[in-house]
Amino acid sequence: MTNAYKKGDFDTRPWGKWEVLDAGDGYCVKKITVNPGCQLSLQSHNFRAEHWIIIRGQAVVTLGEDKLSKKQNDAIYIPEKTKHRIQNDTAEIMEFVEVQTGDNLDENDIIRYEDIYGRV
């Protein structure tokens, strides 16, 4: 198993920021903040599944072909190789906790299909 993350890692992105709350063999827990009016890229991962729990605000989640409205305390499971995106269409910050599970946890395991920030 490969886990490139460690507790305390963080990064800023065009849409907000992420911070690693915990990481270990086969898992990583991140707190992700999405700024008002922003969205992550439409993406998938070959080597990890993700579990999202909305902890603040409201989100629109693309999961495969479905668009889902989510609010605080709602949870979403994203299997490996499933196209997904989260966006914040409100004027308030949205935050969620992401639990990644898999054999290879690494920022390079991102396949982008659409990205409003030109990162495809």
Protein backbone atom coordinates (compact mmCIF):
# COMPACT_ATOMS: atom_id res chain seq x y z
CA MET A 1 0.00 0.00 0.00
CA THR A 2 1.17 3.51 -0.80
CA ASN A 3 0.03 6.60 1.11
CA ALA A 4 1.72 9.85 0.10
CA TYR A 5 -0.24 11.87 2.70
CA LYS A 6 0.64 12.64 6.29
CA LYS A 7 -1.23 14.46 9.05
CA GLY A 8 -0.87 18.22 8.66
CA ASP A 9 -0.35 18.24 4.87
CA PHE A 10 -2.37 20.99 3.17
CA ASP A 11 -2.74 22.80 -0.12
CA THR A 12 -4.65 25.72 -1.57
CA ARG A 13 -6.48 25.29 -4.85
CA PRO A 14 -8.37 27.70 -7.15
CA TRP A 15 -11.63 26.54 -5.49
CA GLY A 16 -10.50 26.56 -1.83
CA LYS A 17 -8.19 24.36 0.25
CA TRP A 18 -7.66 20.93 1.80
CA GLU A 19 -5.92 19.73 4.96
CA VAL A 20 -5.03 16.20 6.05
CA LEU A 21 -6.54 15.49 9.48
CA ASP A 22 -5.22 11.93 9.70
CA ALA A 23 -3.56 9.35 7.48
CA GLY A 24 -2.47 5.75 7.83
CA ASP A 25 -2.11 2.47 6.01
CA GLY A 26 -4.86 2.44 3.38
CA TYR A 27 -6.71 5.61 4.44
CA CYS A 28 -6.52 9.41 4.47
CA VAL A 29 -8.93 11.87 6.14
CA LYS A 30 -9.10 15.40 4.71
CA LYS A 31 -11.13 18.49 5.59
CA ILE A 32 -11.95 20.30 2.34
CA THR A 33 -13.20 23.89 2.09
CA VAL A 34 -14.95 25.02 -1.11
CA ASN A 35 -15.31 28.77 -1.57
CA PRO A 36 -18.65 30.33 -2.60
CA GLY A 37 -19.44 29.86 -6.28
CA CYS A 38 -16.58 27.38 -6.81
CA GLN A 39 -16.33 23.74 -7.87
CA LEU A 40 -13.78 20.97 -8.08
CA SER A 41 -12.98 19.34 -11.42
CA LEU A 42 -15.08 16.49 -12.78
CA GLN A 43 -12.72 13.63 -11.98
CA SER A 44 -12.24 9.99 -11.14
CA HIS A 45 -9.62 7.90 -9.35
CA ASN A 46 -8.26 4.49 -10.34
CA PHE A 47 -6.91 3.44 -6.95
CA ARG A 48 -9.16 4.94 -4.29
CA ALA A 49 -12.74 5.23 -3.16
CA GLU A 50 -13.97 8.30 -1.28
CA HIS A 51 -16.54 8.91 1.41
CA TRP A 52 -17.77 12.51 1.80
CA ILE A 53 -19.68 14.01 4.73
CA ILE A 54 -20.92 17.59 4.38
CA ILE A 55 -20.10 19.42 7.63
CA ARG A 56 -20.99 23.01 6.68
CA GLY A 57 -23.16 24.58 4.01
CA GLN A 58 -24.77 23.06 0.93
CA ALA A 59 -23.31 21.19 -2.01
CA VAL A 60 -24.25 19.95 -5.45
CA VAL A 61 -22.59 16.58 -6.06
CA THR A 62 -22.17 14.98 -9.46
CA LEU A 63 -21.94 11.21 -9.03
CA GLY A 64 -21.78 9.36 -12.34
CA GLU A 65 -24.71 10.73 -14.35
CA ASP A 66 -26.62 11.99 -11.28
CA LYS A 67 -26.67 15.47 -9.72
CA LEU A 68 -27.51 15.42 -6.02
CA SER A 69 -28.27 18.27 -3.60
CA LYS A 70 -26.58 17.71 -0.24
CA LYS A 71 -26.58 19.57 3.08
CA GLN A 72 -24.92 19.35 6.48
CA ASN A 73 -24.71 15.74 7.78
CA ASP A 74 -25.41 14.19 4.35
CA ALA A 75 -22.96 11.50 3.21
CA ILE A 76 -21.86 10.38 -0.25
CA TYR A 77 -19.89 7.27 -1.28
CA ILE A 78 -17.79 7.48 -4.46
CA PRO A 79 -16.48 4.09 -5.70
CA GLU A 80 -13.17 3.79 -7.57
CA LYS A 81 -13.33 4.83 -11.24
CA THR A 82 -16.61 6.78 -10.77
CA LYS A 83 -16.77 10.29 -12.25
CA HIS A 84 -17.59 12.83 -9.55
CA ARG A 85 -17.52 16.51 -8.66
CA ILE A 86 -18.61 18.72 -5.78
CA GLN A 87 -19.61 22.34 -6.14
CA ASN A 88 -20.75 25.19 -3.95
CA ASP A 89 -23.42 27.28 -5.66
CA THR A 90 -24.13 29.35 -2.55
CA ALA A 91 -22.70 32.61 -1.15
CA GLU A 92 -21.36 30.79 1.96
CA ILE A 93 -18.33 28.56 2.47
CA MET A 94 -19.03 24.81 2.19
CA GLU A 95 -16.90 22.23 3.99
CA PHE A 96 -16.80 18.47 3.90
CA VAL A 97 -14.73 15.66 5.33
CA GLU A 98 -13.30 13.25 2.78
CA VAL A 99 -12.18 9.78 3.79
CA GLN A 100 -10.08 8.13 1.10
CA THR A 101 -9.56 4.37 1.16
CA GLY A 102 -7.42 2.30 -1.17
CA ASP A 103 -4.06 0.76 -1.99
CA ASN A 104 -2.52 3.90 -3.57
CA LEU A 105 -3.40 7.26 -2.00
CA ASP A 106 -1.70 10.07 -3.85
CA GLU A 107 -2.59 13.41 -5.52
CA ASN A 108 -1.45 11.93 -8.84
CA ASP A 109 -4.44 9.55 -8.87
CA ILE A 110 -6.71 12.19 -10.39
CA ILE A 111 -8.11 11.88 -13.90
CA ARG A 112 -9.72 15.21 -14.81
CA TYR A 113 -12.48 15.34 -17.44
CA GLU A 114 -13.67 18.95 -17.00
CA ASP A 115 -12.14 21.82 -15.05
CA ILE A 116 -13.14 25.50 -15.10
CA TYR A 117 -9.62 26.41 -13.92
CA GLY A 118 -7.84 24.98 -16.99
CA ARG A 119 -6.23 21.97 -15.28
CA VAL A 120 -7.45 19.23 -17.66
